[in-house]
Amino acid sequence: MEDDKHVELTEISTSELDQSPSNQVKRRLSKHDGITSINAVNTSKTLIIAIEFHHNKRFNLTDLRKKYKKEIEKIVPNLDVELSTDKKLVFELDELEKKIEDNSITPKKLMKKVKQLTKLMKEQT
């Protein structure tokens, strides 16, 4: 039974870009059943999260997205929260997390990329 609780997430630590809101949200969301992976990055204004669910949870994604977004907004009330269950965004955020971890992205480039992803997410809804 415990094996079902494994959630794939990477806590990002870097001196350049504070990712503590992202890490905090990942820890919180990882306690929920049905989530298989969580990717999240944040700037000083925006937090973007991409979540993957077990396939048996996929039929009620809309409700889950709303529920988790509300929960996240309570944790980080000072940030704009964007949440997606789109596979492409999971991949994009995973790449972005790696760049942040490697310190291979500047705060300015991170902001630009987050804006780009936010726009992409809004187009999909």
C-alpha atoms as a PDB file:
ATOM      1  CA  MET A   1       0.000   0.000   0.000  1.00  0.00           C
ATOM      2  CA  GLU A   2       2.838   2.415   0.789  1.00  0.00           C
ATOM      3  CA  ASP A   3       4.194   2.085  -2.760  1.00  0.00           C
ATOM      4  CA  ASP A   4       1.148   3.931  -4.065  1.00  0.00           C
ATOM      5  CA  LYS A   5       2.253   7.039  -2.200  1.00  0.00           C
ATOM      6  CA  HIS A   6       5.471   7.539  -4.188  1.00  0.00           C
ATOM      7  CA  VAL A   7       5.321  10.935  -5.853  1.00  0.00           C
ATOM      8  CA  GLU A   8       8.028  12.111  -8.175  1.00  0.00           C
ATOM      9  CA  LEU A   9       9.219  15.562  -7.186  1.00  0.00           C
ATOM     10  CA  THR A  10      12.489  17.433  -6.948  1.00  0.00           C
ATOM     11  CA  GLU A  11      13.037  20.046  -4.295  1.00  0.00           C
ATOM     12  CA  ILE A  12      15.049  22.832  -5.844  1.00  0.00           C
ATOM     13  CA  SER A  13      17.712  24.603  -3.843  1.00  0.00           C
ATOM     14  CA  THR A  14      19.645  27.477  -5.297  1.00  0.00           C
ATOM     15  CA  SER A  15      21.029  30.712  -3.985  1.00  0.00           C
ATOM     16  CA  GLU A  16      20.097  32.702  -7.091  1.00  0.00           C
ATOM     17  CA  LEU A  17      16.390  31.972  -7.413  1.00  0.00           C
ATOM     18  CA  ASP A  18      14.258  31.386  -4.334  1.00  0.00           C
ATOM     19  CA  GLN A  19      12.162  28.292  -5.016  1.00  0.00           C
ATOM     20  CA  SER A  20      10.851  27.774  -1.483  1.00  0.00           C
ATOM     21  CA  PRO A  21       7.200  28.472  -2.474  1.00  0.00           C
ATOM     22  CA  SER A  22       7.474  25.774  -5.175  1.00  0.00           C
ATOM     23  CA  ASN A  23       9.066  23.317  -2.758  1.00  0.00           C
ATOM     24  CA  GLN A  24       6.447  24.042  -0.100  1.00  0.00           C
ATOM     25  CA  VAL A  25       3.608  23.404  -2.569  1.00  0.00           C
ATOM     26  CA  LYS A  26       5.250  20.193  -3.834  1.00  0.00           C
ATOM     27  CA  ARG A  27       5.536  18.834  -0.295  1.00  0.00           C
ATOM     28  CA  ARG A  28       1.889  19.673   0.398  1.00  0.00           C
ATOM     29  CA  LEU A  29       0.529  18.203  -2.842  1.00  0.00           C
ATOM     30  CA  SER A  30       2.600  15.039  -2.492  1.00  0.00           C
ATOM     31  CA  LYS A  31       0.371  14.051   0.453  1.00  0.00           C
ATOM     32  CA  HIS A  32      -2.625  13.624  -1.889  1.00  0.00           C
ATOM     33  CA  ASP A  33      -3.573  10.263  -3.350  1.00  0.00           C
ATOM     34  CA  GLY A  34      -3.425   9.750  -7.074  1.00  0.00           C
ATOM     35  CA  ILE A  35      -0.643  12.205  -7.882  1.00  0.00           C
ATOM     36  CA  THR A  36       2.357  10.589  -9.579  1.00  0.00           C
ATOM     37  CA  SER A  37       4.547  13.620 -10.268  1.00  0.00           C
ATOM     38  CA  ILE A  38       4.687  17.304  -9.425  1.00  0.00           C
ATOM     39  CA  ASN A  39       6.797  19.938 -11.119  1.00  0.00           C
ATOM     40  CA  ALA A  40       6.706  23.541 -10.006  1.00  0.00           C
ATOM     41  CA  VAL A  41       8.729  26.697 -10.413  1.00  0.00           C
ATOM     42  CA  ASN A  42       8.123  30.193  -9.216  1.00  0.00           C
ATOM     43  CA  THR A  43       9.220  33.744  -9.795  1.00  0.00           C
ATOM     44  CA  SER A  44       8.591  36.542  -7.328  1.00  0.00           C
ATOM     45  CA  LYS A  45       5.077  36.937  -8.770  1.00  0.00           C
ATOM     46  CA  THR A  46       3.975  33.617 -10.265  1.00  0.00           C
ATOM     47  CA  LEU A  47       3.930  29.950  -9.327  1.00  0.00           C
ATOM     48  CA  ILE A  48       3.439  27.375 -12.078  1.00  0.00           C
ATOM     49  CA  ILE A  49       2.640  23.765 -11.247  1.00  0.00           C
ATOM     50  CA  ALA A  50       2.228  20.749 -13.482  1.00  0.00           C
ATOM     51  CA  ILE A  51       0.774  17.601 -11.941  1.00  0.00           C
ATOM     52  CA  GLU A  52       0.483  14.093 -13.296  1.00  0.00           C
ATOM     53  CA  PHE A  53      -2.147  11.739 -11.914  1.00  0.00           C
ATOM     54  CA  HIS A  54      -2.615   7.987 -11.884  1.00  0.00           C
ATOM     55  CA  HIS A  55      -4.634   7.102 -14.977  1.00  0.00           C
ATOM     56  CA  ASN A  56      -7.658   6.096 -12.841  1.00  0.00           C
ATOM     57  CA  LYS A  57      -7.940   9.708 -11.582  1.00  0.00           C
ATOM     58  CA  ARG A  58      -7.837  11.274 -15.048  1.00  0.00           C
ATOM     59  CA  PHE A  59     -11.614  11.313 -15.609  1.00  0.00           C
ATOM     60  CA  ASN A  60     -12.172  14.009 -12.985  1.00  0.00           C
ATOM     61  CA  LEU A  61      -9.197  16.243 -13.770  1.00  0.00           C
ATOM     62  CA  THR A  62     -11.243  19.446 -13.921  1.00  0.00           C
ATOM     63  CA  ASP A  63     -12.458  19.019 -10.337  1.00  0.00           C
ATOM     64  CA  LEU A  64      -8.997  18.037  -9.118  1.00  0.00           C
ATOM     65  CA  ARG A  65      -7.372  21.040 -10.809  1.00  0.00           C
ATOM     66  CA  LYS A  66      -9.861  23.431  -9.164  1.00  0.00           C
ATOM     67  CA  LYS A  67      -9.494  21.792  -5.755  1.00  0.00           C
ATOM     68  CA  TYR A  68      -5.674  21.816  -5.786  1.00  0.00           C
ATOM     69  CA  LYS A  69      -5.448  25.323  -7.196  1.00  0.00           C
ATOM     70  CA  LYS A  70      -7.602  26.619  -4.318  1.00  0.00           C
ATOM     71  CA  GLU A  71      -5.437  24.763  -1.811  1.00  0.00           C
ATOM     72  CA  ILE A  72      -2.229  26.156  -3.325  1.00  0.00           C
ATOM     73  CA  GLU A  73      -3.574  29.711  -3.370  1.00  0.00           C
ATOM     74  CA  LYS A  74      -4.059  29.438   0.398  1.00  0.00           C
ATOM     75  CA  ILE A  75      -0.429  28.320   0.862  1.00  0.00           C
ATOM     76  CA  VAL A  76       1.033  31.089  -1.330  1.00  0.00           C
ATOM     77  CA  PRO A  77      -1.546  33.892  -1.303  1.00  0.00           C
ATOM     78  CA  ASN A  78       0.995  36.433  -2.585  1.00  0.00           C
ATOM     79  CA  LEU A  79       1.632  34.565  -5.868  1.00  0.00           C
ATOM     80  CA  ASP A  80      -0.430  34.083  -9.017  1.00  0.00           C
ATOM     81  CA  VAL A  81      -1.005  30.347  -9.265  1.00  0.00           C
ATOM     82  CA  GLU A  82      -1.202  28.468 -12.555  1.00  0.00           C
ATOM     83  CA  LEU A  83      -1.873  24.748 -12.468  1.00  0.00           C
ATOM     84  CA  SER A  84      -1.820  22.293 -15.358  1.00  0.00           C
ATOM     85  CA  THR A  85      -2.184  18.575 -15.925  1.00  0.00           C
ATOM     86  CA  ASP A  86      -0.883  18.803 -19.480  1.00  0.00           C
ATOM     87  CA  LYS A  87       1.991  16.422 -20.320  1.00  0.00           C
ATOM     88  CA  LYS A  88       3.822  19.085 -22.328  1.00  0.00           C
ATOM     89  CA  LEU A  89       3.852  21.386 -19.316  1.00  0.00           C
ATOM     90  CA  VAL A  90       5.081  18.593 -17.070  1.00  0.00           C
ATOM     91  CA  PHE A  91       8.007  18.191 -19.466  1.00  0.00           C
ATOM     92  CA  GLU A  92       8.642  21.962 -19.803  1.00  0.00           C
ATOM     93  CA  LEU A  93       8.642  22.503 -16.037  1.00  0.00           C
ATOM     94  CA  ASP A  94      10.918  19.516 -15.509  1.00  0.00           C
ATOM     95  CA  GLU A  95      13.442  21.080 -17.903  1.00  0.00           C
ATOM     96  CA  LEU A  96      13.082  24.445 -16.173  1.00  0.00           C
ATOM     97  CA  GLU A  97      13.625  22.894 -12.736  1.00  0.00           C
ATOM     98  CA  LYS A  98      16.882  21.355 -13.983  1.00  0.00           C
ATOM     99  CA  LYS A  99      18.085  24.720 -15.309  1.00  0.00           C
ATOM    100  CA  ILE A 100      17.303  26.386 -11.984  1.00  0.00           C
ATOM    101  CA  GLU A 101      19.071  23.601 -10.073  1.00  0.00           C
ATOM    102  CA  ASP A 102      22.141  23.930 -12.339  1.00  0.00           C
ATOM    103  CA  ASN A 103      22.084  27.727 -12.052  1.00  0.00           C
ATOM    104  CA  SER A 104      22.008  27.833 -15.842  1.00  0.00           C
ATOM    105  CA  ILE A 105      19.115  30.278 -16.059  1.00  0.00           C
ATOM    106  CA  THR A 106      19.049  33.927 -14.996  1.00  0.00           C
ATOM    107  CA  PRO A 107      16.173  35.387 -12.989  1.00  0.00           C
ATOM    108  CA  LYS A 108      15.251  37.452 -16.046  1.00  0.00           C
ATOM    109  CA  LYS A 109      15.158  34.391 -18.340  1.00  0.00           C
ATOM    110  CA  LEU A 110      13.167  32.475 -15.735  1.00  0.00           C
ATOM    111  CA  MET A 111      10.555  35.248 -15.617  1.00  0.00           C
ATOM    112  CA  LYS A 112      10.345  35.259 -19.404  1.00  0.00           C
ATOM    113  CA  LYS A 113       9.950  31.468 -19.568  1.00  0.00           C
ATOM    114  CA  VAL A 114       7.307  31.467 -16.805  1.00  0.00           C
ATOM    115  CA  LYS A 115       5.346  34.145 -18.699  1.00  0.00           C
ATOM    116  CA  GLN A 116       5.594  32.048 -21.855  1.00  0.00           C
ATOM    117  CA  LEU A 117       4.350  28.912 -20.070  1.00  0.00           C
ATOM    118  CA  THR A 118       1.543  30.828 -18.350  1.00  0.00           C
ATOM    119  CA  LYS A 119       0.375  32.083 -21.748  1.00  0.00           C
ATOM    120  CA  LEU A 120       0.518  28.525 -23.111  1.00  0.00           C
ATOM    121  CA  MET A 121      -1.534  27.250 -20.163  1.00  0.00           C
ATOM    122  CA  LYS A 122      -4.193  29.922 -20.648  1.00  0.00           C
ATOM    123  CA  GLU A 123      -4.489  29.055 -24.357  1.00  0.00           C
ATOM    124  CA  GLN A 124      -5.190  25.427 -23.459  1.00  0.00           C
ATOM    125  CA  THR A 125      -8.055  26.181 -21.076  1.00  0.00           C
END
